[in-house]
């Protein structure tokens, strides 16, 4: 029987936005940040050390439903193509468009 461990959040690297959130996985994890653009959202995924792993423009089917000023939490399954964010009992699925 193997024990699965979830990596605890490391100290937030100084080059990351203060709003970046740690999304832990089994034995790994990544930092994520989101910023609104004119029509979509820029999402960046960082390594535990703060190096950019991928970044792009994303949209969600419910653009008006996600309110960046309210509390939210990045959740699984999130990667460089699709990112999921949980906010007020709703999971928003952001798809990369660029």
Protein backbone atom coordinates (compact mmCIF):
# COMPACT_ATOMS: atom_id res chain seq x y z
CA UNK A 1 0.00 0.00 0.00
CA UNK A 2 1.41 3.40 -0.98
CA UNK A 3 0.71 6.54 0.93
CA UNK A 4 -0.19 9.58 -1.15
CA UNK A 5 0.95 12.92 0.17
CA UNK A 6 -0.17 16.41 -0.73
CA UNK A 7 2.57 19.00 -0.99
CA UNK A 8 2.09 21.85 1.45
CA UNK A 9 2.33 25.40 0.13
CA UNK A 10 5.86 26.74 0.06
CA UNK A 11 6.56 30.36 0.90
CA UNK A 12 5.14 32.65 -1.80
CA UNK A 13 8.07 33.64 -4.06
CA UNK A 14 8.64 37.40 -4.03
CA UNK A 15 8.21 37.71 -7.82
CA UNK A 16 4.63 36.38 -7.72
CA UNK A 17 1.53 38.52 -7.24
CA UNK A 18 0.31 38.61 -3.64
CA UNK A 19 -2.99 37.19 -4.92
CA UNK A 20 -1.33 34.03 -6.30
CA UNK A 21 -2.80 30.84 -4.85
CA UNK A 22 -1.17 27.50 -4.20
CA UNK A 23 -2.91 24.46 -5.69
CA UNK A 24 -1.48 21.34 -4.09
CA UNK A 25 -1.38 17.98 -5.75
CA UNK A 26 -0.05 14.56 -4.88
CA UNK A 27 3.66 15.13 -4.38
CA UNK A 28 3.57 18.34 -6.43
CA UNK A 29 1.83 21.67 -6.71
CA UNK A 30 1.73 24.95 -8.58
CA UNK A 31 0.98 28.59 -7.96
CA UNK A 32 -1.81 30.18 -10.03
CA UNK A 33 -2.74 33.81 -10.60
CA UNK A 34 -5.59 35.40 -12.52
CA UNK A 35 -6.06 38.95 -13.77
CA UNK A 36 -8.89 40.41 -15.83
CA UNK A 37 -8.17 41.75 -19.31
CA UNK A 38 -10.46 43.82 -21.53
CA UNK A 39 -12.60 40.82 -22.51
CA UNK A 40 -11.13 37.72 -20.85
CA UNK A 41 -8.72 36.69 -18.11
CA UNK A 42 -4.96 36.17 -18.04
CA UNK A 43 -4.02 33.11 -16.02
CA UNK A 44 -0.44 32.20 -15.16
CA UNK A 45 0.76 28.94 -13.64
CA UNK A 46 4.07 29.00 -11.76
CA UNK A 47 6.37 26.34 -10.38
CA UNK A 48 6.78 26.11 -6.59
CA UNK A 49 9.90 28.28 -6.98
CA UNK A 50 8.04 30.99 -8.94
CA UNK A 51 9.09 30.20 -12.52
CA UNK A 52 6.39 30.59 -15.17
CA UNK A 53 5.24 27.17 -16.37
CA UNK A 54 2.56 28.52 -18.73
CA UNK A 55 0.44 31.60 -19.26
CA UNK A 56 -2.36 32.62 -21.56
CA UNK A 57 -5.71 34.21 -22.14
CA UNK A 58 -8.69 32.25 -20.87
CA UNK A 59 -12.45 32.57 -21.06
CA UNK A 60 -15.30 30.92 -19.25
CA UNK A 61 -18.84 30.22 -20.43
CA UNK A 62 -20.12 32.31 -17.53
CA UNK A 63 -17.85 35.40 -17.89
CA UNK A 64 -20.24 37.65 -15.98
CA UNK A 65 -20.78 35.14 -13.19
CA UNK A 66 -17.17 35.10 -12.01
CA UNK A 67 -16.43 38.17 -9.90
CA UNK A 68 -12.71 38.56 -9.32
CA UNK A 69 -13.25 40.89 -6.36
CA UNK A 70 -14.97 38.09 -4.41
CA UNK A 71 -13.21 35.18 -2.72
CA UNK A 72 -12.31 32.29 -5.03
CA UNK A 73 -10.14 29.19 -4.96
CA UNK A 74 -8.28 27.45 -7.78
CA UNK A 75 -9.25 23.79 -7.81
CA UNK A 76 -8.54 20.51 -9.61
CA UNK A 77 -8.20 19.68 -12.42
CA UNK A 78 -6.23 22.77 -13.50
CA UNK A 79 -3.36 22.86 -15.96
CA UNK A 80 -2.11 24.91 -18.92
CA UNK A 81 -5.21 24.35 -21.09
CA UNK A 82 -8.07 24.37 -18.59
CA UNK A 83 -8.32 26.00 -15.17
CA UNK A 84 -11.10 25.51 -12.65
CA UNK A 85 -11.97 28.09 -10.03
CA UNK A 86 -14.51 27.58 -7.26
CA UNK A 87 -16.48 30.64 -6.15
CA UNK A 88 -19.74 30.84 -4.19
CA UNK A 89 -20.81 27.22 -4.77
CA UNK A 90 -19.99 27.37 -8.48
CA UNK A 91 -17.04 25.86 -10.35
CA UNK A 92 -16.03 28.07 -13.26
CA UNK A 93 -14.15 26.30 -16.06
CA UNK A 94 -11.73 28.58 -17.89
CA UNK A 95 -10.53 27.40 -21.31
CA UNK A 96 -7.37 28.72 -22.88
CA UNK A 97 -8.04 30.77 -26.03
CA UNK A 98 -4.53 32.09 -26.65
